[in-house]
Amino acid sequence: MARCVQDNGDAAKYINTQFVVNILVWYHLALMGETVKLTDPRLQRLICKANNFTLQELIEIVEINGEL
């Protein structure tokens, strides 16, 4: 991502806090096992939400990961 911003200055205007939080939440969701995604209502809620995640939701998914 850093190289893309370096090579294309216009891309930088899309890289804001919300973009980074969304990417991090989806990164953690992608790493979760399928069974956990199907049985944990917190993960199901995040999957259904799909975007515009909050910092609190990012913290929540990191905590869920720590529980596993």
Protein backbone atom coordinates (compact mmCIF):
# COMPACT_ATOMS: atom_id res chain seq x y z
CA MET A 1 0.00 0.00 0.00
CA ALA A 2 2.87 2.37 0.82
CA ARG A 3 4.43 1.79 -2.60
CA CYS A 4 1.11 2.50 -4.29
CA VAL A 5 0.86 5.83 -2.47
CA GLN A 6 4.46 6.68 -3.36
CA ASP A 7 3.91 5.87 -7.02
CA ASN A 8 0.54 7.58 -7.28
CA GLY A 9 0.06 10.68 -5.16
CA ASP A 10 -3.67 10.77 -5.89
CA ALA A 11 -4.11 7.45 -4.06
CA ALA A 12 -3.12 9.12 -0.80
CA LYS A 13 -6.42 10.98 -0.59
CA TYR A 14 -8.21 7.63 -0.16
CA ILE A 15 -5.92 6.40 2.61
CA ASN A 16 -7.55 7.80 5.73
CA THR A 17 -8.27 6.43 9.19
CA GLN A 18 -11.57 4.87 8.14
CA PHE A 19 -9.92 3.07 5.24
CA VAL A 20 -7.23 1.63 7.51
CA VAL A 21 -9.74 0.54 10.17
CA ASN A 22 -11.88 -1.18 7.52
CA ILE A 23 -8.85 -2.99 6.09
CA LEU A 24 -7.73 -4.15 9.55
CA VAL A 25 -11.17 -5.42 10.54
CA TRP A 26 -11.50 -7.35 7.27
CA TYR A 27 -7.96 -8.70 7.71
CA HIS A 28 -8.92 -10.12 11.10
CA LEU A 29 -12.25 -11.42 9.79
CA ALA A 30 -10.46 -13.22 6.97
CA LEU A 31 -8.18 -14.97 9.46
CA MET A 32 -11.07 -16.28 11.54
CA GLY A 33 -12.08 -19.89 11.03
CA GLU A 34 -15.31 -20.57 9.22
CA THR A 35 -16.90 -22.27 12.24
CA VAL A 36 -16.16 -19.27 14.44
CA LYS A 37 -17.62 -16.90 11.85
CA LEU A 38 -20.79 -18.99 11.67
CA THR A 39 -21.27 -19.34 15.43
CA ASP A 40 -20.08 -16.05 16.97
CA PRO A 41 -22.80 -13.38 16.80
CA ARG A 42 -20.22 -10.61 17.22
CA LEU A 43 -18.41 -11.71 14.07
CA GLN A 44 -21.68 -12.17 12.21
CA ARG A 45 -22.63 -8.60 13.12
CA LEU A 46 -19.32 -7.27 11.78
CA ILE A 47 -19.62 -9.29 8.57
CA CYS A 48 -23.14 -7.96 8.00
CA LYS A 49 -22.03 -4.41 8.69
CA ALA A 50 -19.38 -4.75 5.96
CA ASN A 51 -17.77 -1.30 6.26
CA ASN A 52 -17.49 1.92 8.25
CA PHE A 53 -16.16 0.03 11.26
CA THR A 54 -15.30 1.95 14.40
CA LEU A 55 -12.08 1.78 16.38
CA GLN A 56 -14.08 0.05 19.11
CA GLU A 57 -15.12 -2.66 16.64
CA LEU A 58 -11.49 -3.11 15.63
CA ILE A 59 -10.56 -3.55 19.28
CA GLU A 60 -13.46 -5.99 19.68
CA ILE A 61 -12.27 -8.25 16.87
CA VAL A 62 -8.72 -8.22 18.23
CA GLU A 63 -10.14 -9.25 21.64
CA ILE A 64 -12.18 -12.03 19.98
CA ASN A 65 -9.01 -13.25 18.31
CA GLY A 66 -7.35 -13.29 21.73
CA GLU A 67 -10.15 -15.46 23.13
CA LEU A 68 -9.51 -18.19 20.56
